[in-house]
Amino acid sequence: MIYVVRHGQTDWNREGKLQGRQGLPLNELGISQAEHLRVTLQDVKFDYVFSSPQARAIETAEIATGLKAIVDDRLDVFDLGDADGLTRNEVKLDGVVPDSNFYNGVEDIRAFIARVFNFMRELDAQHRNEELNILISGHRCTTGCIGAYFEGIPEDGNILTHSSDNGGFKSYEFTTNIQARQS
């Protein structure tokens, strides 16, 4: 089983700021959310724990499982470029991402999806036929993208609809929706 966890709350989450690679560590509520995950998942023996390189995702994974996370850069948060740290109300969007016509350094959404799907395809190829429990800790964008890997990219392209709230998780099996993995 794959457990896809969104990191616990940070102060920027609470303040409604876009949080990319300049994000903050977990705040008190975020730590409490990770501890709640530990209780919720206490009966699951995790074979592997993977995380984005961002501190908030690593903290969440390690608090929730008690295990050292394997950091993989392909799970990193979507690079918001110069829009990182702006509030949702002040950022100009192109769909669900900051408009690269206004902000330097914004990652291409197709490249982002490709790197997360690449991680998932590799994980699938290595562990498809094994009875394992794998936790993957990430962000709204990465957890949404992993959800899209299993459930397909929505018609409107908004992969964020597959994400959980801060400190939440969804679970999937590699046998789910083969077509999504091939796209």
C-alpha atoms as a PDB file:
ATOM      1  CA  MET A   1       0.000   0.000   0.000  1.00  0.00           C
ATOM      2  CA  ILE A   2       1.188   3.516  -0.800  1.00  0.00           C
ATOM      3  CA  TYR A   3       0.397   6.165   1.829  1.00  0.00           C
ATOM      4  CA  VAL A   4       0.699   9.674   0.389  1.00  0.00           C
ATOM      5  CA  VAL A   5       1.012  12.258   3.174  1.00  0.00           C
ATOM      6  CA  ARG A   6       0.806  16.017   2.893  1.00  0.00           C
ATOM      7  CA  HIS A   7       3.116  17.739   5.361  1.00  0.00           C
ATOM      8  CA  GLY A   8       1.718  19.325   8.492  1.00  0.00           C
ATOM      9  CA  GLN A   9       0.901  23.010   8.749  1.00  0.00           C
ATOM     10  CA  THR A  10       3.502  25.777   8.656  1.00  0.00           C
ATOM     11  CA  ASP A  11       3.003  29.440   9.458  1.00  0.00           C
ATOM     12  CA  TRP A  12       2.781  30.227   5.723  1.00  0.00           C
ATOM     13  CA  ASN A  13      -0.023  27.665   5.317  1.00  0.00           C
ATOM     14  CA  ARG A  14      -1.877  29.367   8.168  1.00  0.00           C
ATOM     15  CA  GLU A  15      -1.302  32.806   6.603  1.00  0.00           C
ATOM     16  CA  GLY A  16      -2.511  31.711   3.149  1.00  0.00           C
ATOM     17  CA  LYS A  17       0.871  32.193   1.489  1.00  0.00           C
ATOM     18  CA  LEU A  18       2.111  30.180  -1.458  1.00  0.00           C
ATOM     19  CA  GLN A  19       4.848  27.963  -0.112  1.00  0.00           C
ATOM     20  CA  GLY A  20       7.473  26.590  -2.402  1.00  0.00           C
ATOM     21  CA  ARG A  21      11.146  26.049  -1.859  1.00  0.00           C
ATOM     22  CA  GLN A  22      11.496  28.950   0.581  1.00  0.00           C
ATOM     23  CA  GLY A  23       8.933  27.388   2.913  1.00  0.00           C
ATOM     24  CA  LEU A  24       9.054  27.152   6.650  1.00  0.00           C
ATOM     25  CA  PRO A  25       9.336  24.196   9.035  1.00  0.00           C
ATOM     26  CA  LEU A  26       6.268  22.812  10.780  1.00  0.00           C
ATOM     27  CA  ASN A  27       4.585  25.031  13.349  1.00  0.00           C
ATOM     28  CA  GLU A  28       3.022  23.693  16.573  1.00  0.00           C
ATOM     29  CA  LEU A  29      -0.156  22.612  14.820  1.00  0.00           C
ATOM     30  CA  GLY A  30       1.913  20.975  12.048  1.00  0.00           C
ATOM     31  CA  ILE A  31       3.871  18.961  14.605  1.00  0.00           C
ATOM     32  CA  SER A  32       0.594  17.972  16.275  1.00  0.00           C
ATOM     33  CA  GLN A  33      -0.809  16.897  12.877  1.00  0.00           C
ATOM     34  CA  ALA A  34       2.274  14.713  12.255  1.00  0.00           C
ATOM     35  CA  GLU A  35       1.900  13.197  15.741  1.00  0.00           C
ATOM     36  CA  HIS A  36      -1.767  12.499  14.975  1.00  0.00           C
ATOM     37  CA  LEU A  37      -0.668  10.740  11.777  1.00  0.00           C
ATOM     38  CA  ARG A  38       1.663   8.591  13.883  1.00  0.00           C
ATOM     39  CA  VAL A  39      -1.295   7.498  16.018  1.00  0.00           C
ATOM     40  CA  THR A  40      -3.556   6.973  12.995  1.00  0.00           C
ATOM     41  CA  LEU A  41      -0.918   4.881  11.209  1.00  0.00           C
ATOM     42  CA  GLN A  42       0.477   3.118  14.285  1.00  0.00           C
ATOM     43  CA  ASP A  43      -0.622  -0.333  13.087  1.00  0.00           C
ATOM     44  CA  VAL A  44       1.123   0.046   9.720  1.00  0.00           C
ATOM     45  CA  LYS A  45       4.678  -1.285   9.452  1.00  0.00           C
ATOM     46  CA  PHE A  46       6.395   0.872   6.857  1.00  0.00           C
ATOM     47  CA  ASP A  47       9.004  -0.755   4.650  1.00  0.00           C
ATOM     48  CA  TYR A  48      10.062   2.504   2.995  1.00  0.00           C
ATOM     49  CA  VAL A  49       9.572   6.165   3.819  1.00  0.00           C
ATOM     50  CA  PHE A  50      10.252   8.704   1.054  1.00  0.00           C
ATOM     51  CA  SER A  51      10.129  12.474   1.291  1.00  0.00           C
ATOM     52  CA  SER A  52      10.561  15.701  -0.562  1.00  0.00           C
ATOM     53  CA  PRO A  53      13.816  17.449   0.412  1.00  0.00           C
ATOM     54  CA  GLN A  54      11.851  20.234   2.134  1.00  0.00           C
ATOM     55  CA  ALA A  55      12.226  20.219   5.948  1.00  0.00           C
ATOM     56  CA  ARG A  56       8.455  20.335   6.540  1.00  0.00           C
ATOM     57  CA  ALA A  57       7.919  17.140   4.534  1.00  0.00           C
ATOM     58  CA  ILE A  58      10.870  15.329   6.130  1.00  0.00           C
ATOM     59  CA  GLU A  59       9.689  16.322   9.628  1.00  0.00           C
ATOM     60  CA  THR A  60       6.189  15.059   8.913  1.00  0.00           C
ATOM     61  CA  ALA A  61       7.414  11.729   7.514  1.00  0.00           C
ATOM     62  CA  GLU A  62       9.811  11.067  10.375  1.00  0.00           C
ATOM     63  CA  ILE A  63       7.396  12.074  13.135  1.00  0.00           C
ATOM     64  CA  ALA A  64       4.593  10.019  11.566  1.00  0.00           C
ATOM     65  CA  THR A  65       6.666   6.849  11.131  1.00  0.00           C
ATOM     66  CA  GLY A  66       9.572   7.086  13.559  1.00  0.00           C
ATOM     67  CA  LEU A  67      11.808   6.161  10.610  1.00  0.00           C
ATOM     68  CA  LYS A  68      14.469   8.076   8.701  1.00  0.00           C
ATOM     69  CA  ALA A  69      13.070   9.342   5.417  1.00  0.00           C
ATOM     70  CA  ILE A  70      14.763   8.667   2.086  1.00  0.00           C
ATOM     71  CA  VAL A  71      14.902  12.064   0.399  1.00  0.00           C
ATOM     72  CA  ASP A  72      14.262  12.175  -3.340  1.00  0.00           C
ATOM     73  CA  ASP A  73      14.505  15.459  -5.256  1.00  0.00           C
ATOM     74  CA  ARG A  74      11.796  14.330  -7.693  1.00  0.00           C
ATOM     75  CA  LEU A  75       9.325  14.749  -4.820  1.00  0.00           C
ATOM     76  CA  ASP A  76      10.326  18.376  -4.256  1.00  0.00           C
ATOM     77  CA  VAL A  77       7.629  21.025  -4.172  1.00  0.00           C
ATOM     78  CA  PHE A  78       6.667  22.804  -7.401  1.00  0.00           C
ATOM     79  CA  ASP A  79       9.094  25.707  -7.875  1.00  0.00           C
ATOM     80  CA  LEU A  80       7.027  28.883  -7.549  1.00  0.00           C
ATOM     81  CA  GLY A  81       9.946  31.127  -8.516  1.00  0.00           C
ATOM     82  CA  ASP A  82       9.445  34.755  -7.520  1.00  0.00           C
ATOM     83  CA  ALA A  83       5.845  34.038  -6.461  1.00  0.00           C
ATOM     84  CA  ASP A  84       7.101  32.005  -3.484  1.00  0.00           C
ATOM     85  CA  GLY A  85       5.780  33.563  -0.271  1.00  0.00           C
ATOM     86  CA  LEU A  86       3.044  35.681  -1.865  1.00  0.00           C
ATOM     87  CA  THR A  87      -0.502  35.319  -0.614  1.00  0.00           C
ATOM     88  CA  ARG A  88      -3.057  33.581  -2.817  1.00  0.00           C
ATOM     89  CA  ASN A  89      -4.887  36.878  -3.230  1.00  0.00           C
ATOM     90  CA  GLU A  90      -1.901  38.786  -4.578  1.00  0.00           C
ATOM     91  CA  VAL A  91      -0.457  36.241  -7.017  1.00  0.00           C
ATOM     92  CA  LYS A  92      -1.390  36.238 -10.704  1.00  0.00           C
ATOM     93  CA  LEU A  93      -2.166  32.690 -11.802  1.00  0.00           C
ATOM     94  CA  ASP A  94      -2.058  30.828 -15.075  1.00  0.00           C
ATOM     95  CA  GLY A  95      -4.531  28.096 -14.222  1.00  0.00           C
ATOM     96  CA  VAL A  96      -3.426  26.821 -10.822  1.00  0.00           C
ATOM     97  CA  VAL A  97       0.231  27.911 -11.014  1.00  0.00           C
ATOM     98  CA  PRO A  98       1.845  31.365 -10.881  1.00  0.00           C
ATOM     99  CA  ASP A  99       1.934  32.994 -14.308  1.00  0.00           C
ATOM    100  CA  SER A 100       5.510  32.792 -15.610  1.00  0.00           C
ATOM    101  CA  ASN A 101       4.857  35.995 -17.596  1.00  0.00           C
ATOM    102  CA  PHE A 102       4.878  37.837 -14.257  1.00  0.00           C
ATOM    103  CA  TYR A 103       7.258  35.741 -12.100  1.00  0.00           C
ATOM    104  CA  ASN A 104      10.742  34.486 -12.899  1.00  0.00           C
ATOM    105  CA  GLY A 105      11.723  30.916 -12.081  1.00  0.00           C
ATOM    106  CA  VAL A 106       8.278  29.303 -12.154  1.00  0.00           C
ATOM    107  CA  GLU A 107       8.617  25.612 -12.982  1.00  0.00           C
ATOM    108  CA  ASP A 108       6.880  24.264 -16.069  1.00  0.00           C
ATOM    109  CA  ILE A 109       3.860  22.256 -14.870  1.00  0.00           C
ATOM    110  CA  ARG A 110       4.431  19.531 -17.480  1.00  0.00           C
ATOM    111  CA  ALA A 111       8.041  19.099 -16.296  1.00  0.00           C
ATOM    112  CA  PHE A 112       6.833  18.949 -12.688  1.00  0.00           C
ATOM    113  CA  ILE A 113       4.298  16.227 -13.471  1.00  0.00           C
ATOM    114  CA  ALA A 114       6.908  14.318 -15.496  1.00  0.00           C
ATOM    115  CA  ARG A 115       9.419  14.269 -12.611  1.00  0.00           C
ATOM    116  CA  VAL A 116       6.860  13.094 -10.034  1.00  0.00           C
ATOM    117  CA  PHE A 117       5.465  10.475 -12.451  1.00  0.00           C
ATOM    118  CA  ASN A 118       9.059   9.347 -13.115  1.00  0.00           C
ATOM    119  CA  PHE A 119       9.528   8.710  -9.390  1.00  0.00           C
ATOM    120  CA  MET A 120       6.249   6.798  -9.231  1.00  0.00           C
ATOM    121  CA  ARG A 121       7.017   4.691 -12.311  1.00  0.00           C
ATOM    122  CA  GLU A 122      10.381   3.754 -10.819  1.00  0.00           C
ATOM    123  CA  LEU A 123       8.775   2.853  -7.490  1.00  0.00           C
ATOM    124  CA  ASP A 124       6.110   0.866  -9.330  1.00  0.00           C
ATOM    125  CA  ALA A 125       8.695  -1.044 -11.378  1.00  0.00           C
ATOM    126  CA  GLN A 126      10.778  -1.870  -8.297  1.00  0.00           C
ATOM    127  CA  HIS A 127       7.979  -2.848  -5.907  1.00  0.00           C
ATOM    128  CA  ARG A 128       4.809  -3.678  -7.864  1.00  0.00           C
ATOM    129  CA  ASN A 129       4.766  -7.360  -6.958  1.00  0.00           C
ATOM    130  CA  GLU A 130       5.819  -6.938  -3.332  1.00  0.00           C
ATOM    131  CA  GLU A 131       3.550  -6.695  -0.316  1.00  0.00           C
ATOM    132  CA  LEU A 132       4.967  -3.457   1.084  1.00  0.00           C
ATOM    133  CA  ASN A 133       3.805  -0.362   2.899  1.00  0.00           C
ATOM    134  CA  ILE A 134       5.410   2.791   1.552  1.00  0.00           C
ATOM    135  CA  LEU A 135       4.887   6.286   2.922  1.00  0.00           C
ATOM    136  CA  ILE A 136       5.575   9.259   0.641  1.00  0.00           C
ATOM    137  CA  SER A 137       5.631  12.687   2.279  1.00  0.00           C
ATOM    138  CA  GLY A 138       5.233  15.776   0.179  1.00  0.00           C
ATOM    139  CA  HIS A 139       3.280  18.891  -0.550  1.00  0.00           C
ATOM    140  CA  ARG A 140      -0.118  19.823  -1.897  1.00  0.00           C
ATOM    141  CA  CYS A 141       1.304  19.731  -5.417  1.00  0.00           C
ATOM    142  CA  THR A 142       3.286  16.486  -5.090  1.00  0.00           C
ATOM    143  CA  THR A 143       0.545  14.612  -3.254  1.00  0.00           C
ATOM    144  CA  GLY A 144      -1.935  15.873  -5.834  1.00  0.00           C
ATOM    145  CA  CYS A 145       0.364  14.750  -8.623  1.00  0.00           C
ATOM    146  CA  ILE A 146       0.744  11.286  -7.079  1.00  0.00           C
ATOM    147  CA  GLY A 147      -3.039  11.115  -6.825  1.00  0.00           C
ATOM    148  CA  ALA A 148      -3.192  11.995 -10.532  1.00  0.00           C
ATOM    149  CA  TYR A 149      -0.730   9.177 -11.230  1.00  0.00           C
ATOM    150  CA  PHE A 150      -3.274   6.720  -9.842  1.00  0.00           C
ATOM    151  CA  GLU A 151      -6.557   8.431 -10.697  1.00  0.00           C
ATOM    152  CA  GLY A 152      -5.649  10.371 -13.836  1.00  0.00           C
ATOM    153  CA  ILE A 153      -5.162  14.070 -14.483  1.00  0.00           C
ATOM    154  CA  PRO A 154      -8.519  15.863 -14.191  1.00  0.00           C
ATOM    155  CA  GLU A 155      -9.979  17.348 -17.378  1.00  0.00           C
ATOM    156  CA  ASP A 156      -9.323  20.865 -16.074  1.00  0.00           C
ATOM    157  CA  GLY A 157      -5.675  19.911 -15.348  1.00  0.00           C
ATOM    158  CA  ASN A 158      -5.998  20.757 -11.649  1.00  0.00           C
ATOM    159  CA  ILE A 159      -4.029  17.964  -9.975  1.00  0.00           C
ATOM    160  CA  LEU A 160      -4.432  19.734  -6.621  1.00  0.00           C
ATOM    161  CA  THR A 161      -7.898  18.213  -6.352  1.00  0.00           C
ATOM    162  CA  HIS A 162      -6.182  14.897  -5.532  1.00  0.00           C
ATOM    163  CA  SER A 163      -4.308  16.333  -2.547  1.00  0.00           C
ATOM    164  CA  SER A 164      -5.130  16.105   1.158  1.00  0.00           C
ATOM    165  CA  ASP A 165      -5.292  18.847   3.753  1.00  0.00           C
ATOM    166  CA  ASN A 166      -2.183  19.554   5.835  1.00  0.00           C
ATOM    167  CA  GLY A 167      -1.353  16.485   7.882  1.00  0.00           C
ATOM    168  CA  GLY A 168      -3.748  14.315   5.892  1.00  0.00           C
ATOM    169  CA  PHE A 169      -3.115  11.285   3.719  1.00  0.00           C
ATOM    170  CA  LYS A 170      -4.570   9.125   0.981  1.00  0.00           C
ATOM    171  CA  SER A 171      -3.678   5.535   0.184  1.00  0.00           C
ATOM    172  CA  TYR A 172      -3.316   3.780  -3.146  1.00  0.00           C
ATOM    173  CA  GLU A 173      -2.281   0.446  -4.586  1.00  0.00           C
ATOM    174  CA  PHE A 174      -0.154   0.008  -7.681  1.00  0.00           C
ATOM    175  CA  THR A 175      -2.933  -2.039  -9.276  1.00  0.00           C
ATOM    176  CA  THR A 176      -5.156   1.075  -9.456  1.00  0.00           C
ATOM    177  CA  ASN A 177      -5.798   2.722 -12.844  1.00  0.00           C
ATOM    178  CA  ILE A 178      -3.072   1.464 -15.143  1.00  0.00           C
ATOM    179  CA  GLN A 179      -3.927   4.092 -17.787  1.00  0.00           C
ATOM    180  CA  ALA A 180      -2.940   6.934 -15.463  1.00  0.00           C
ATOM    181  CA  ARG A 181       0.507   5.410 -14.991  1.00  0.00           C
ATOM    182  CA  GLN A 182       1.073   5.189 -18.720  1.00  0.00           C
ATOM    183  CA  SER A 183       0.286   8.836 -19.499  1.00  0.00           C
END
